[in-house]
Amino acid sequence: MADITIGTIVRAHYNSGTYIGEVKEDRGEHYLIEVLAVKKHPMQGDLHNPGEVEDVFFHERKALAPHEKMNVKKPAAKPFDEGVPTYGKSLKQAVESYKEKLTTEETAFNKKALQTLIELEEKHYEKNYY
């Protein structure tokens, strides 16, 4: 396993998204990581009841913002040695990838998640990051 130190660029899974960021602090069992780019957009809906739309609170989940900090468990961070894309470009790519995944199968959950993602993109991402 490669050493991760302060300043290392990593790919880190946080909540239901995956981000590229820079390690800012070693906090024992966690790293404090500054978000530089989005690798995988967070899942929409109720994470405790994935795939469900009935009798659950359907959450809208935004990707973490550029330069936002996340406290990530050490095993969830891996060194990232590719070029770091711009935040806006990476977010757009992550959203498009998630949309493609949601359109592969027509289910109530996928429809609701796609609708939520499109609304999020229109009211927040296009104005601020694209």
C-alpha atoms as a PDB file:
ATOM      1  CA  MET A   1       0.000   0.000   0.000  1.00  0.00           C
ATOM      2  CA  ALA A   2       1.343   3.419  -0.981  1.00  0.00           C
ATOM      3  CA  ASP A   3       2.056   5.979   1.683  1.00  0.00           C
ATOM      4  CA  ILE A   4      -0.396   8.834   1.900  1.00  0.00           C
ATOM      5  CA  THR A   5       0.944  12.005   3.472  1.00  0.00           C
ATOM      6  CA  ILE A   6      -0.181  15.607   3.704  1.00  0.00           C
ATOM      7  CA  GLY A   7      -0.276  17.017   0.173  1.00  0.00           C
ATOM      8  CA  THR A   8      -0.951  13.653  -1.514  1.00  0.00           C
ATOM      9  CA  ILE A   9      -3.658  13.714  -4.200  1.00  0.00           C
ATOM     10  CA  VAL A  10      -6.144  10.910  -3.506  1.00  0.00           C
ATOM     11  CA  ARG A  11      -9.350   9.341  -4.780  1.00  0.00           C
ATOM     12  CA  ALA A  12     -11.684   9.073  -1.810  1.00  0.00           C
ATOM     13  CA  HIS A  13     -15.115   7.583  -1.313  1.00  0.00           C
ATOM     14  CA  TYR A  14     -17.257   9.791   0.927  1.00  0.00           C
ATOM     15  CA  ASN A  15     -20.900   9.088   1.726  1.00  0.00           C
ATOM     16  CA  SER A  16     -22.158   7.816  -1.638  1.00  0.00           C
ATOM     17  CA  GLY A  17     -19.857   9.863  -3.888  1.00  0.00           C
ATOM     18  CA  THR A  18     -16.235   9.562  -4.937  1.00  0.00           C
ATOM     19  CA  TYR A  19     -13.952  12.568  -5.112  1.00  0.00           C
ATOM     20  CA  ILE A  20     -10.417  13.545  -6.034  1.00  0.00           C
ATOM     21  CA  GLY A  21      -8.789  15.714  -3.430  1.00  0.00           C
ATOM     22  CA  GLU A  22      -5.688  16.756  -1.550  1.00  0.00           C
ATOM     23  CA  VAL A  23      -4.899  15.451   1.931  1.00  0.00           C
ATOM     24  CA  LYS A  24      -4.716  18.427   4.285  1.00  0.00           C
ATOM     25  CA  GLU A  25      -4.432  16.729   7.687  1.00  0.00           C
ATOM     26  CA  ASP A  26      -3.823  13.294   9.185  1.00  0.00           C
ATOM     27  CA  ARG A  27      -6.424  12.855  11.909  1.00  0.00           C
ATOM     28  CA  GLY A  28      -5.555   9.421  13.245  1.00  0.00           C
ATOM     29  CA  GLU A  29      -8.103   7.074  11.670  1.00  0.00           C
ATOM     30  CA  HIS A  30      -9.194   9.736   9.144  1.00  0.00           C
ATOM     31  CA  TYR A  31      -7.759  12.172   6.616  1.00  0.00           C
ATOM     32  CA  LEU A  32      -9.061  15.695   6.141  1.00  0.00           C
ATOM     33  CA  ILE A  33      -9.284  16.025   2.361  1.00  0.00           C
ATOM     34  CA  GLU A  34      -9.982  19.124   0.262  1.00  0.00           C
ATOM     35  CA  VAL A  35     -12.220  18.396  -2.749  1.00  0.00           C
ATOM     36  CA  LEU A  36     -10.643  19.188  -6.127  1.00  0.00           C
ATOM     37  CA  ALA A  37     -12.867  17.160  -8.495  1.00  0.00           C
ATOM     38  CA  VAL A  38     -15.811  14.726  -8.602  1.00  0.00           C
ATOM     39  CA  LYS A  39     -15.223  11.154  -9.764  1.00  0.00           C
ATOM     40  CA  LYS A  40     -18.701   9.693  -9.000  1.00  0.00           C
ATOM     41  CA  HIS A  41     -21.799  11.716  -8.176  1.00  0.00           C
ATOM     42  CA  PRO A  42     -23.564  10.841  -4.887  1.00  0.00           C
ATOM     43  CA  MET A  43     -26.608   8.599  -5.165  1.00  0.00           C
ATOM     44  CA  GLN A  44     -30.047  10.157  -4.964  1.00  0.00           C
ATOM     45  CA  GLY A  45     -32.790   8.815  -2.720  1.00  0.00           C
ATOM     46  CA  ASP A  46     -32.814   7.077   0.641  1.00  0.00           C
ATOM     47  CA  LEU A  47     -29.468   5.367   1.179  1.00  0.00           C
ATOM     48  CA  HIS A  48     -30.967   3.090   3.835  1.00  0.00           C
ATOM     49  CA  ASN A  49     -33.602   1.886   1.384  1.00  0.00           C
ATOM     50  CA  PRO A  50     -31.850   1.931  -2.000  1.00  0.00           C
ATOM     51  CA  GLY A  51     -34.097   1.573  -5.008  1.00  0.00           C
ATOM     52  CA  GLU A  52     -37.226   2.507  -3.050  1.00  0.00           C
ATOM     53  CA  VAL A  53     -39.518   5.477  -3.677  1.00  0.00           C
ATOM     54  CA  GLU A  54     -42.600   4.447  -1.679  1.00  0.00           C
ATOM     55  CA  ASP A  55     -42.801   5.278   2.046  1.00  0.00           C
ATOM     56  CA  VAL A  56     -39.282   6.758   2.183  1.00  0.00           C
ATOM     57  CA  PHE A  57     -37.911  10.290   2.228  1.00  0.00           C
ATOM     58  CA  PHE A  58     -36.263  10.701  -1.169  1.00  0.00           C
ATOM     59  CA  HIS A  59     -33.117  12.782  -0.568  1.00  0.00           C
ATOM     60  CA  GLU A  60     -31.593  15.176  -3.059  1.00  0.00           C
ATOM     61  CA  ARG A  61     -27.832  14.827  -2.679  1.00  0.00           C
ATOM     62  CA  LYS A  62     -25.462  17.419  -4.124  1.00  0.00           C
ATOM     63  CA  ALA A  63     -21.839  16.676  -4.834  1.00  0.00           C
ATOM     64  CA  LEU A  64     -19.422  18.321  -2.427  1.00  0.00           C
ATOM     65  CA  ALA A  65     -18.335  21.759  -3.605  1.00  0.00           C
ATOM     66  CA  PRO A  66     -14.826  22.632  -4.790  1.00  0.00           C
ATOM     67  CA  HIS A  67     -12.444  23.196  -1.853  1.00  0.00           C
ATOM     68  CA  GLU A  68     -14.986  21.759   0.595  1.00  0.00           C
ATOM     69  CA  LYS A  69     -13.321  19.564   3.211  1.00  0.00           C
ATOM     70  CA  MET A  70     -14.317  15.982   3.996  1.00  0.00           C
ATOM     71  CA  ASN A  71     -13.239  13.785   6.896  1.00  0.00           C
ATOM     72  CA  VAL A  72     -12.540  10.415   5.243  1.00  0.00           C
ATOM     73  CA  LYS A  73     -11.648   7.091   6.877  1.00  0.00           C
ATOM     74  CA  LYS A  74      -8.141   6.139   5.819  1.00  0.00           C
ATOM     75  CA  PRO A  75      -9.096   2.884   4.022  1.00  0.00           C
ATOM     76  CA  ALA A  76     -11.464   4.894   1.768  1.00  0.00           C
ATOM     77  CA  ALA A  77      -8.589   7.007   0.360  1.00  0.00           C
ATOM     78  CA  LYS A  78      -6.274   5.749  -2.386  1.00  0.00           C
ATOM     79  CA  PRO A  79      -3.432   7.635  -4.104  1.00  0.00           C
ATOM     80  CA  PHE A  80      -4.494   9.228  -7.391  1.00  0.00           C
ATOM     81  CA  ASP A  81      -1.683   9.718  -9.886  1.00  0.00           C
ATOM     82  CA  GLU A  82      -3.618  10.795 -12.982  1.00  0.00           C
ATOM     83  CA  GLY A  83      -4.138  14.405 -13.968  1.00  0.00           C
ATOM     84  CA  VAL A  84      -6.732  16.208 -11.854  1.00  0.00           C
ATOM     85  CA  PRO A  85      -9.537  17.592 -14.039  1.00  0.00           C
ATOM     86  CA  THR A  86     -11.172  20.932 -13.298  1.00  0.00           C
ATOM     87  CA  TYR A  87     -14.030  20.719 -10.825  1.00  0.00           C
ATOM     88  CA  GLY A  88     -16.696  21.845 -13.333  1.00  0.00           C
ATOM     89  CA  LYS A  89     -15.593  19.411 -16.035  1.00  0.00           C
ATOM     90  CA  SER A  90     -15.393  16.512 -13.577  1.00  0.00           C
ATOM     91  CA  LEU A  91     -18.813  17.314 -12.097  1.00  0.00           C
ATOM     92  CA  LYS A  92     -20.439  17.434 -15.528  1.00  0.00           C
ATOM     93  CA  GLN A  93     -18.847  14.098 -16.462  1.00  0.00           C
ATOM     94  CA  ALA A  94     -19.966  12.510 -13.161  1.00  0.00           C
ATOM     95  CA  VAL A  95     -23.536  13.784 -13.651  1.00  0.00           C
ATOM     96  CA  GLU A  96     -23.644  12.514 -17.253  1.00  0.00           C
ATOM     97  CA  SER A  97     -22.333   9.118 -16.172  1.00  0.00           C
ATOM     98  CA  TYR A  98     -24.958   8.878 -13.423  1.00  0.00           C
ATOM     99  CA  LYS A  99     -27.721   9.897 -15.870  1.00  0.00           C
ATOM    100  CA  GLU A 100     -26.623   7.147 -18.282  1.00  0.00           C
ATOM    101  CA  LYS A 101     -26.755   4.595 -15.479  1.00  0.00           C
ATOM    102  CA  LEU A 102     -30.245   5.739 -14.476  1.00  0.00           C
ATOM    103  CA  THR A 103     -31.589   5.402 -18.032  1.00  0.00           C
ATOM    104  CA  THR A 104     -30.436   1.807 -18.538  1.00  0.00           C
ATOM    105  CA  GLU A 105     -33.467   0.378 -16.767  1.00  0.00           C
ATOM    106  CA  GLU A 106     -36.897   1.965 -16.452  1.00  0.00           C
ATOM    107  CA  THR A 107     -37.866   1.700 -12.781  1.00  0.00           C
ATOM    108  CA  ALA A 108     -39.747   4.062 -10.467  1.00  0.00           C
ATOM    109  CA  PHE A 109     -36.538   4.679  -8.529  1.00  0.00           C
ATOM    110  CA  ASN A 110     -34.470   5.437 -11.625  1.00  0.00           C
ATOM    111  CA  LYS A 111     -37.135   7.855 -12.911  1.00  0.00           C
ATOM    112  CA  LYS A 112     -37.287   9.697  -9.588  1.00  0.00           C
ATOM    113  CA  ALA A 113     -33.494   9.765  -9.202  1.00  0.00           C
ATOM    114  CA  LEU A 114     -33.059  11.045 -12.777  1.00  0.00           C
ATOM    115  CA  GLN A 115     -35.700  13.745 -12.247  1.00  0.00           C
ATOM    116  CA  THR A 116     -33.985  14.807  -9.007  1.00  0.00           C
ATOM    117  CA  LEU A 117     -30.559  14.856 -10.655  1.00  0.00           C
ATOM    118  CA  ILE A 118     -31.796  16.940 -13.609  1.00  0.00           C
ATOM    119  CA  GLU A 119     -33.419  19.453 -11.246  1.00  0.00           C
ATOM    120  CA  LEU A 120     -30.229  19.646  -9.199  1.00  0.00           C
ATOM    121  CA  GLU A 121     -28.209  20.189 -12.360  1.00  0.00           C
ATOM    122  CA  GLU A 122     -30.523  22.928 -13.654  1.00  0.00           C
ATOM    123  CA  LYS A 123     -30.940  24.886 -10.433  1.00  0.00           C
ATOM    124  CA  HIS A 124     -27.460  24.526  -8.975  1.00  0.00           C
ATOM    125  CA  TYR A 125     -24.704  23.016 -11.115  1.00  0.00           C
ATOM    126  CA  GLU A 126     -25.310  24.869 -14.404  1.00  0.00           C
ATOM    127  CA  LYS A 127     -25.392  28.232 -12.596  1.00  0.00           C
ATOM    128  CA  ASN A 128     -22.355  27.647 -10.414  1.00  0.00           C
ATOM    129  CA  TYR A 129     -19.990  25.123 -11.969  1.00  0.00           C
ATOM    130  CA  TYR A 130     -20.560  24.367 -15.671  1.00  0.00           C
END
